[in-house]
PDB file of N, CA and C in Angstrom:
ATOM      1  N   MET A   1       2.747   8.651  -7.663  1.00  0.00           N
ATOM      2  CA  MET A   1       1.833   9.559  -7.032  1.00  0.00           C
ATOM      3  C   MET A   1       2.018   9.460  -5.530  1.00  0.00           C
ATOM      4  N   GLN A   2       2.108  10.584  -4.872  1.00  0.00           N
ATOM      5  CA  GLN A   2       2.211  10.580  -3.423  1.00  0.00           C
ATOM      6  C   GLN A   2       0.977  11.223  -2.826  1.00  0.00           C
ATOM      7  N   TYR A   3       0.617  10.764  -1.657  1.00  0.00           N
ATOM      8  CA  TYR A   3      -0.546  11.265  -0.957  1.00  0.00           C
ATOM      9  C   TYR A   3      -0.059  12.129   0.196  1.00  0.00           C
ATOM     10  N   LEU A   4      -0.687  12.088   1.322  1.00  0.00           N
ATOM     11  CA  LEU A   4      -0.243  12.864   2.473  1.00  0.00           C
ATOM     12  C   LEU A   4       1.055  12.273   3.009  1.00  0.00           C
ATOM     13  N   LYS A   5       1.958  13.119   3.419  1.00  0.00           N
ATOM     14  CA  LYS A   5       3.260  12.659   3.897  1.00  0.00           C
ATOM     15  C   LYS A   5       3.174  12.117   5.325  1.00  0.00           C
ATOM     16  N   ASN A   6       3.888  11.036   5.537  1.00  0.00           N
ATOM     17  CA  ASN A   6       4.073  10.435   6.866  1.00  0.00           C
ATOM     18  C   ASN A   6       2.774  10.043   7.568  1.00  0.00           C
ATOM     19  N   VAL A   7       1.777   9.586   6.806  1.00  0.00           N
ATOM     20  CA  VAL A   7       0.538   9.152   7.450  1.00  0.00           C
ATOM     21  C   VAL A   7       0.153   7.712   7.118  1.00  0.00           C
ATOM     22  N   ALA A   8       0.777   7.101   6.144  1.00  0.00           N
ATOM     23  CA  ALA A   8       0.435   5.733   5.760  1.00  0.00           C
ATOM     24  C   ALA A   8       0.703   4.778   6.921  1.00  0.00           C
ATOM     25  N   THR A   9      -0.194   3.829   7.108  1.00  0.00           N
ATOM     26  CA  THR A   9      -0.081   2.882   8.216  1.00  0.00           C
ATOM     27  C   THR A   9       0.736   1.643   7.851  1.00  0.00           C
ATOM     28  N   LEU A  10       1.306   1.619   6.671  1.00  0.00           N
ATOM     29  CA  LEU A  10       2.086   0.483   6.185  1.00  0.00           C
ATOM     30  C   LEU A  10       3.309   0.230   7.065  1.00  0.00           C
ATOM     31  N   LYS A  11       3.472  -1.044   7.467  1.00  0.00           N
ATOM     32  CA  LYS A  11       4.639  -1.439   8.262  1.00  0.00           C
ATOM     33  C   LYS A  11       5.169  -2.762   7.742  1.00  0.00           C
ATOM     34  N   MET A  12       6.470  -2.938   7.878  1.00  0.00           N
ATOM     35  CA  MET A  12       7.110  -4.182   7.446  1.00  0.00           C
ATOM     36  C   MET A  12       8.030  -4.695   8.542  1.00  0.00           C
ATOM     37  N   ASP A  13       7.986  -6.010   8.743  1.00  0.00           N
ATOM     38  CA  ASP A  13       8.915  -6.665   9.653  1.00  0.00           C
ATOM     39  C   ASP A  13       9.969  -7.351   8.789  1.00  0.00           C
ATOM     40  N   PRO A  14      11.154  -6.753   8.641  1.00  0.00           N
ATOM     41  CA  PRO A  14      12.166  -7.317   7.751  1.00  0.00           C
ATOM     42  C   PRO A  14      12.621  -8.724   8.144  1.00  0.00           C
ATOM     43  N   LYS A  15      12.454  -9.088   9.415  1.00  0.00           N
ATOM     44  CA  LYS A  15      12.851 -10.423   9.852  1.00  0.00           C
ATOM     45  C   LYS A  15      11.947 -11.501   9.249  1.00  0.00           C
ATOM     46  N   LEU A  16      10.713 -11.133   8.925  1.00  0.00           N
ATOM     47  CA  LEU A  16       9.763 -12.101   8.384  1.00  0.00           C
ATOM     48  C   LEU A  16       9.781 -12.151   6.857  1.00  0.00           C
ATOM     49  N   CYS A  17      10.383 -11.163   6.219  1.00  0.00           N
ATOM     50  CA  CYS A  17      10.412 -11.103   4.760  1.00  0.00           C
ATOM     51  C   CYS A  17      11.376 -12.154   4.202  1.00  0.00           C
ATOM     52  N   THR A  18      10.887 -12.907   3.198  1.00  0.00           N
ATOM     53  CA  THR A  18      11.716 -13.926   2.553  1.00  0.00           C
ATOM     54  C   THR A  18      12.228 -13.470   1.191  1.00  0.00           C
ATOM     55  N   GLY A  19      11.779 -12.301   0.748  1.00  0.00           N
ATOM     56  CA  GLY A  19      12.208 -11.801  -0.555  1.00  0.00           C
ATOM     57  C   GLY A  19      11.473 -12.438  -1.721  1.00  0.00           C
ATOM     58  N   CYS A  20      10.278 -12.960  -1.490  1.00  0.00           N
ATOM     59  CA  CYS A  20       9.531 -13.625  -2.559  1.00  0.00           C
ATOM     60  C   CYS A  20       9.100 -12.642  -3.663  1.00  0.00           C
ATOM     61  N   GLY A  21       8.964 -11.370  -3.323  1.00  0.00           N
ATOM     62  CA  GLY A  21       8.612 -10.353  -4.319  1.00  0.00           C
ATOM     63  C   GLY A  21       7.132 -10.205  -4.591  1.00  0.00           C
ATOM     64  N   MET A  22       6.280 -10.909  -3.872  1.00  0.00           N
ATOM     65  CA  MET A  22       4.839 -10.816  -4.113  1.00  0.00           C
ATOM     66  C   MET A  22       4.331  -9.391  -3.883  1.00  0.00           C
ATOM     67  N   CYS A  23       4.844  -8.705  -2.886  1.00  0.00           N
ATOM     68  CA  CYS A  23       4.389  -7.340  -2.616  1.00  0.00           C
ATOM     69  C   CYS A  23       4.690  -6.412  -3.802  1.00  0.00           C
ATOM     70  N   LEU A  24       5.810  -6.639  -4.460  1.00  0.00           N
ATOM     71  CA  LEU A  24       6.143  -5.841  -5.643  1.00  0.00           C
ATOM     72  C   LEU A  24       5.153  -6.088  -6.768  1.00  0.00           C
ATOM     73  N   LYS A  25       4.710  -7.329  -6.892  1.00  0.00           N
ATOM     74  CA  LYS A  25       3.787  -7.688  -7.972  1.00  0.00           C
ATOM     75  C   LYS A  25       2.397  -7.103  -7.769  1.00  0.00           C
ATOM     76  N   VAL A  26       1.928  -7.047  -6.526  1.00  0.00           N
ATOM     77  CA  VAL A  26       0.544  -6.635  -6.278  1.00  0.00           C
ATOM     78  C   VAL A  26       0.379  -5.156  -5.942  1.00  0.00           C
ATOM     79  N   CYS A  27       1.449  -4.475  -5.605  1.00  0.00           N
ATOM     80  CA  CYS A  27       1.354  -3.061  -5.228  1.00  0.00           C
ATOM     81  C   CYS A  27       1.121  -2.193  -6.467  1.00  0.00           C
ATOM     82  N   PRO A  28       0.021  -1.430  -6.506  1.00  0.00           N
ATOM     83  CA  PRO A  28      -0.264  -0.602  -7.675  1.00  0.00           C
ATOM     84  C   PRO A  28       0.572   0.673  -7.760  1.00  0.00           C
ATOM     85  N   HIS A  29       1.347   0.983  -6.721  1.00  0.00           N
ATOM     86  CA  HIS A  29       2.077   2.245  -6.702  1.00  0.00           C
ATOM     87  C   HIS A  29       3.574   2.109  -6.477  1.00  0.00           C
ATOM     88  N   ALA A  30       4.116   0.940  -6.716  1.00  0.00           N
ATOM     89  CA  ALA A  30       5.567   0.711  -6.620  1.00  0.00           C
ATOM     90  C   ALA A  30       6.156   1.195  -5.293  1.00  0.00           C
ATOM     91  N   VAL A  31       5.512   0.803  -4.218  1.00  0.00           N
ATOM     92  CA  VAL A  31       5.968   1.185  -2.885  1.00  0.00           C
ATOM     93  C   VAL A  31       7.196   0.376  -2.459  1.00  0.00           C
ATOM     94  N   PHE A  32       7.372  -0.813  -3.052  1.00  0.00           N
ATOM     95  CA  PHE A  32       8.423  -1.747  -2.626  1.00  0.00           C
ATOM     96  C   PHE A  32       9.503  -1.929  -3.690  1.00  0.00           C
ATOM     97  N   ALA A  33      10.668  -2.381  -3.221  1.00  0.00           N
ATOM     98  CA  ALA A  33      11.765  -2.786  -4.108  1.00  0.00           C
ATOM     99  C   ALA A  33      12.484  -3.953  -3.433  1.00  0.00           C
ATOM    100  N   LEU A  34      13.199  -4.726  -4.236  1.00  0.00           N
ATOM    101  CA  LEU A  34      14.020  -5.804  -3.678  1.00  0.00           C
ATOM    102  C   LEU A  34      15.448  -5.306  -3.533  1.00  0.00           C
ATOM    103  N   ARG A  35      15.981  -5.458  -2.355  1.00  0.00           N
ATOM    104  CA  ARG A  35      17.368  -5.089  -2.082  1.00  0.00           C
ATOM    105  C   ARG A  35      17.969  -6.158  -1.190  1.00  0.00           C
ATOM    106  N   ASN A  36      19.129  -6.657  -1.578  1.00  0.00           N
ATOM    107  CA  ASN A  36      19.798  -7.710  -0.805  1.00  0.00           C
ATOM    108  C   ASN A  36      18.878  -8.900  -0.538  1.00  0.00           C
ATOM    109  N   LYS A  37      18.114  -9.265  -1.564  1.00  0.00           N
ATOM    110  CA  LYS A  37      17.224 -10.422  -1.521  1.00  0.00           C
ATOM    111  C   LYS A  37      16.095 -10.296  -0.501  1.00  0.00           C
ATOM    112  N   LYS A  38      15.735  -9.048  -0.175  1.00  0.00           N
ATOM    113  CA  LYS A  38      14.617  -8.773   0.728  1.00  0.00           C
ATOM    114  C   LYS A  38      13.815  -7.612   0.155  1.00  0.00           C
ATOM    115  N   SER A  39      12.536  -7.605   0.456  1.00  0.00           N
ATOM    116  CA  SER A  39      11.694  -6.480   0.063  1.00  0.00           C
ATOM    117  C   SER A  39      11.904  -5.333   1.050  1.00  0.00           C
ATOM    118  N   VAL A  40      11.888  -4.132   0.541  1.00  0.00           N
ATOM    119  CA  VAL A  40      11.990  -2.941   1.390  1.00  0.00           C
ATOM    120  C   VAL A  40      10.959  -1.928   0.920  1.00  0.00           C
ATOM    121  N   ILE A  41      10.518  -1.093   1.838  1.00  0.00           N
ATOM    122  CA  ILE A  41       9.608  -0.007   1.504  1.00  0.00           C
ATOM    123  C   ILE A  41      10.458   1.148   1.001  1.00  0.00           C
ATOM    124  N   VAL A  42      10.227   1.557  -0.249  1.00  0.00           N
ATOM    125  CA  VAL A  42      11.017   2.637  -0.827  1.00  0.00           C
ATOM    126  C   VAL A  42      10.208   3.922  -1.016  1.00  0.00           C
ATOM    127  N   SER A  43       8.889   3.819  -0.930  1.00  0.00           N
ATOM    128  CA  SER A  43       8.051   5.005  -1.137  1.00  0.00           C
ATOM    129  C   SER A  43       6.778   4.897  -0.307  1.00  0.00           C
ATOM    130  N   LYS A  44       6.930   4.966   0.994  1.00  0.00           N
ATOM    131  CA  LYS A  44       5.793   4.800   1.903  1.00  0.00           C
ATOM    132  C   LYS A  44       4.699   5.836   1.654  1.00  0.00           C
ATOM    133  N   ASP A  45       5.087   7.033   1.286  1.00  0.00           N
ATOM    134  CA  ASP A  45       4.101   8.087   1.037  1.00  0.00           C
ATOM    135  C   ASP A  45       3.281   7.836  -0.225  1.00  0.00           C
ATOM    136  N   SER A  46       3.689   6.868  -1.047  1.00  0.00           N
ATOM    137  CA  SER A  46       2.908   6.500  -2.229  1.00  0.00           C
ATOM    138  C   SER A  46       1.874   5.422  -1.923  1.00  0.00           C
ATOM    139  N   CYS A  47       1.897   4.892  -0.718  1.00  0.00           N
ATOM    140  CA  CYS A  47       0.969   3.830  -0.321  1.00  0.00           C
ATOM    141  C   CYS A  47      -0.446   4.385  -0.211  1.00  0.00           C
ATOM    142  N   MET A  48      -1.383   3.730  -0.918  1.00  0.00           N
ATOM    143  CA  MET A  48      -2.782   4.140  -0.837  1.00  0.00           C
ATOM    144  C   MET A  48      -3.576   3.261   0.126  1.00  0.00           C
ATOM    145  N   GLU A  49      -2.878   2.431   0.863  1.00  0.00           N
ATOM    146  CA  GLU A  49      -3.438   1.585   1.910  1.00  0.00           C
ATOM    147  C   GLU A  49      -4.547   0.670   1.398  1.00  0.00           C
ATOM    148  N   CYS A  50      -4.346   0.108   0.208  1.00  0.00           N
ATOM    149  CA  CYS A  50      -5.341  -0.810  -0.360  1.00  0.00           C
ATOM    150  C   CYS A  50      -5.305  -2.163   0.330  1.00  0.00           C
ATOM    151  N   GLY A  51      -4.159  -2.533   0.905  1.00  0.00           N
ATOM    152  CA  GLY A  51      -4.027  -3.785   1.637  1.00  0.00           C
ATOM    153  C   GLY A  51      -3.589  -4.982   0.799  1.00  0.00           C
ATOM    154  N   ALA A  52      -3.384  -4.777  -0.500  1.00  0.00           N
ATOM    155  CA  ALA A  52      -3.006  -5.898  -1.370  1.00  0.00           C
ATOM    156  C   ALA A  52      -1.704  -6.553  -0.926  1.00  0.00           C
ATOM    157  N   CYS A  53      -0.749  -5.777  -0.501  1.00  0.00           N
ATOM    158  CA  CYS A  53       0.546  -6.337  -0.100  1.00  0.00           C
ATOM    159  C   CYS A  53       0.405  -7.233   1.123  1.00  0.00           C
ATOM    160  N   ALA A  54      -0.287  -6.748   2.144  1.00  0.00           N
ATOM    161  CA  ALA A  54      -0.441  -7.521   3.374  1.00  0.00           C
ATOM    162  C   ALA A  54      -1.267  -8.780   3.145  1.00  0.00           C
ATOM    163  N   LYS A  55      -2.307  -8.676   2.321  1.00  0.00           N
ATOM    164  CA  LYS A  55      -3.161  -9.832   2.055  1.00  0.00           C
ATOM    165  C   LYS A  55      -2.440 -10.898   1.240  1.00  0.00           C
ATOM    166  N   ASN A  56      -1.448 -10.506   0.472  1.00  0.00           N
ATOM    167  CA  ASN A  56      -0.728 -11.452  -0.382  1.00  0.00           C
ATOM    168  C   ASN A  56       0.614 -11.878   0.180  1.00  0.00           C
ATOM    169  N   CYS A  57       0.986 -11.394   1.348  1.00  0.00           N
ATOM    170  CA  CYS A  57       2.250 -11.791   1.970  1.00  0.00           C
ATOM    171  C   CYS A  57       2.016 -13.047   2.802  1.00  0.00           C
ATOM    172  N   ALA A  58       2.478 -14.164   2.289  1.00  0.00           N
ATOM    173  CA  ALA A  58       2.294 -15.446   2.972  1.00  0.00           C
ATOM    174  C   ALA A  58       3.097 -15.543   4.266  1.00  0.00           C
ATOM    175  N   PHE A  59       4.013 -14.619   4.460  1.00  0.00           N
ATOM    176  CA  PHE A  59       4.907 -14.683   5.616  1.00  0.00           C
ATOM    177  C   PHE A  59       4.564 -13.650   6.685  1.00  0.00           C
ATOM    178  N   HIS A  60       3.488 -12.896   6.468  1.00  0.00           N
ATOM    179  CA  HIS A  60       2.984 -11.910   7.433  1.00  0.00           C
ATOM    180  C   HIS A  60       4.019 -10.843   7.781  1.00  0.00           C
ATOM    181  N   ALA A  61       4.826 -10.489   6.807  1.00  0.00           N
ATOM    182  CA  ALA A  61       5.854  -9.472   7.029  1.00  0.00           C
ATOM    183  C   ALA A  61       5.294  -8.056   6.906  1.00  0.00           C
ATOM    184  N   LEU A  62       4.097  -7.928   6.338  1.00  0.00           N
ATOM    185  CA  LEU A  62       3.517  -6.610   6.096  1.00  0.00           C
ATOM    186  C   LEU A  62       2.211  -6.432   6.844  1.00  0.00           C
ATOM    187  N   SER A  63       1.966  -5.206   7.270  1.00  0.00           N
ATOM    188  CA  SER A  63       0.678  -4.860   7.861  1.00  0.00           C
ATOM    189  C   SER A  63       0.306  -3.456   7.401  1.00  0.00           C
ATOM    190  N   VAL A  64      -0.979  -3.251   7.234  1.00  0.00           N
ATOM    191  CA  VAL A  64      -1.503  -1.941   6.839  1.00  0.00           C
ATOM    192  C   VAL A  64      -2.964  -1.896   7.236  1.00  0.00           C
ATOM    193  N   ARG A  65      -3.414  -0.754   7.684  1.00  0.00           N
ATOM    194  CA  ARG A  65      -4.827  -0.589   8.028  1.00  0.00           C
ATOM    195  C   ARG A  65      -5.571  -0.212   6.754  1.00  0.00           C
ATOM    196  N   SER A  66      -5.915  -1.208   5.958  1.00  0.00           N
ATOM    197  CA  SER A  66      -6.598  -0.928   4.704  1.00  0.00           C
ATOM    198  C   SER A  66      -7.989  -0.370   4.982  1.00  0.00           C
ATOM    199  N   GLY A  67      -8.421   0.489   4.086  1.00  0.00           N
ATOM    200  CA  GLY A  67      -9.730   1.117   4.233  1.00  0.00           C
ATOM    201  C   GLY A  67      -9.700   2.441   4.951  1.00  0.00           C
ATOM    202  N   VAL A  68      -8.529   2.889   5.388  1.00  0.00           N
ATOM    203  CA  VAL A  68      -8.456   4.172   6.081  1.00  0.00           C
ATOM    204  C   VAL A  68      -7.783   5.247   5.239  1.00  0.00           C
ATOM    205  N   GLY A  69      -7.194   4.859   4.149  1.00  0.00           N
ATOM    206  CA  GLY A  69      -6.429   5.817   3.348  1.00  0.00           C
ATOM    207  C   GLY A  69      -7.133   6.235   2.082  1.00  0.00           C
ATOM    208  N   CYS A  70      -6.347   6.544   1.099  1.00  0.00           N
ATOM    209  CA  CYS A  70      -6.843   7.062  -0.162  1.00  0.00           C
ATOM    210  C   CYS A  70      -7.706   6.044  -0.898  1.00  0.00           C
ATOM    211  N   ALA A  71      -7.384   4.775  -0.771  1.00  0.00           N
ATOM    212  CA  ALA A  71      -8.182   3.749  -1.445  1.00  0.00           C
ATOM    213  C   ALA A  71      -9.628   3.818  -0.962  1.00  0.00           C
ATOM    214  N   ALA A  72      -9.814   4.011   0.325  1.00  0.00           N
ATOM    215  CA  ALA A  72     -11.165   4.118   0.871  1.00  0.00           C
ATOM    216  C   ALA A  72     -11.865   5.351   0.316  1.00  0.00           C
ATOM    217  N   GLY A  73     -11.152   6.451   0.204  1.00  0.00           N
ATOM    218  CA  GLY A  73     -11.734   7.672  -0.352  1.00  0.00           C
ATOM    219  C   GLY A  73     -12.209   7.481  -1.776  1.00  0.00           C
ATOM    220  N   ILE A  74     -11.423   6.784  -2.554  1.00  0.00           N
ATOM    221  CA  ILE A  74     -11.791   6.515  -3.951  1.00  0.00           C
ATOM    222  C   ILE A  74     -13.035   5.628  -4.002  1.00  0.00           C
ATOM    223  N   MET A  75     -13.054   4.579  -3.185  1.00  0.00           N
ATOM    224  CA  MET A  75     -14.196   3.657  -3.206  1.00  0.00           C
ATOM    225  C   MET A  75     -15.476   4.344  -2.738  1.00  0.00           C
ATOM    226  N   TYR A  76     -15.396   5.112  -1.654  1.00  0.00           N
ATOM    227  CA  TYR A  76     -16.591   5.786  -1.140  1.00  0.00           C
ATOM    228  C   TYR A  76     -17.128   6.806  -2.142  1.00  0.00           C
ATOM    229  N   ALA A  77     -16.239   7.523  -2.802  1.00  0.00           N
ATOM    230  CA  ALA A  77     -16.679   8.485  -3.816  1.00  0.00           C
ATOM    231  C   ALA A  77     -17.366   7.767  -4.967  1.00  0.00           C
ATOM    232  N   ALA A  78     -16.788   6.671  -5.429  1.00  0.00           N
ATOM    233  CA  ALA A  78     -17.374   5.922  -6.540  1.00  0.00           C
ATOM    234  C   ALA A  78     -18.738   5.350  -6.156  1.00  0.00           C
ATOM    235  N   LEU A  79     -18.854   4.832  -4.946  1.00  0.00           N
ATOM    236  CA  LEU A  79     -20.123   4.270  -4.490  1.00  0.00           C
ATOM    237  C   LEU A  79     -21.204   5.341  -4.365  1.00  0.00           C
ATOM    238  N   ALA A  80     -20.792   6.556  -4.076  1.00  0.00           N
ATOM    239  CA  ALA A  80     -21.736   7.667  -3.946  1.00  0.00           C
ATOM    240  C   ALA A  80     -22.065   8.295  -5.297  1.00  0.00           C
ATOM    241  N   GLY A  81     -21.468   7.761  -6.372  1.00  0.00           N
ATOM    242  CA  GLY A  81     -21.734   8.298  -7.694  1.00  0.00           C
ATOM    243  C   GLY A  81     -20.998   9.586  -7.997  1.00  0.00           C
ATOM    244  N   LYS A  82     -19.940   9.851  -7.241  1.00  0.00           N
ATOM    245  CA  LYS A  82     -19.153  11.074  -7.441  1.00  0.00           C
ATOM    246  C   LYS A  82     -17.870  10.746  -8.192  1.00  0.00           C
ATOM    247  N   ASP A  83     -17.239  11.750  -8.738  1.00  0.00           N
ATOM    248  CA  ASP A  83     -15.990  11.570  -9.447  1.00  0.00           C
ATOM    249  C   ASP A  83     -14.871  11.390  -8.425  1.00  0.00           C
ATOM    250  N   PRO A  84     -14.271  10.191  -8.343  1.00  0.00           N
ATOM    251  CA  PRO A  84     -13.215   9.945  -7.352  1.00  0.00           C
ATOM    252  C   PRO A  84     -12.039  10.904  -7.487  1.00  0.00           C
ATOM    253  N   LYS A  85     -11.770  11.388  -8.684  1.00  0.00           N
ATOM    254  CA  LYS A  85     -10.639  12.301  -8.866  1.00  0.00           C
ATOM    255  C   LYS A  85     -10.891  13.649  -8.207  1.00  0.00           C
ATOM    256  N   LYS A  86     -12.150  14.017  -8.060  1.00  0.00           N
ATOM    257  CA  LYS A  86     -12.494  15.298  -7.449  1.00  0.00           C
ATOM    258  C   LYS A  86     -12.808  15.159  -5.956  1.00  0.00           C
ATOM    259  N   GLU A  87     -13.339  14.027  -5.586  1.00  0.00           N
ATOM    260  CA  GLU A  87     -13.808  13.824  -4.214  1.00  0.00           C
ATOM    261  C   GLU A  87     -12.780  13.179  -3.300  1.00  0.00           C
ATOM    262  N   ALA A  88     -11.942  12.324  -3.846  1.00  0.00           N
ATOM    263  CA  ALA A  88     -10.984  11.591  -3.027  1.00  0.00           C
ATOM    264  C   ALA A  88      -9.710  12.412  -2.830  1.00  0.00           C
ATOM    265  N   CYS A  89      -8.797  11.871  -2.077  1.00  0.00           N
ATOM    266  CA  CYS A  89      -7.574  12.607  -1.740  1.00  0.00           C
ATOM    267  C   CYS A  89      -6.548  12.612  -2.861  1.00  0.00           C
ATOM    268  N   CYS A  90      -6.801  11.859  -3.894  1.00  0.00           N
ATOM    269  CA  CYS A  90      -5.800  11.691  -4.945  1.00  0.00           C
ATOM    270  C   CYS A  90      -5.833  12.848  -5.902  1.00  0.00           C
TER     271      CYS A  90
END
């Protein structure tokens, strides 16, 4: 699933990535892949900015402004008692 193009705040510092693969395990939208023993962003537009990757990267190779993207829209809609599929950006 892709959201708005070229707006995700996800960033990666390849120099800090060790290739542990944790970001692949926690990302709900398969934004990452392992290539040449390093993680790479393969689908940035699929990032819902939940922040799971950055919070689970022990090497601080990832950053994202969680709470500003689609994940926030889904949570706010659910908290308001609305259908997230109709109210959120997804």
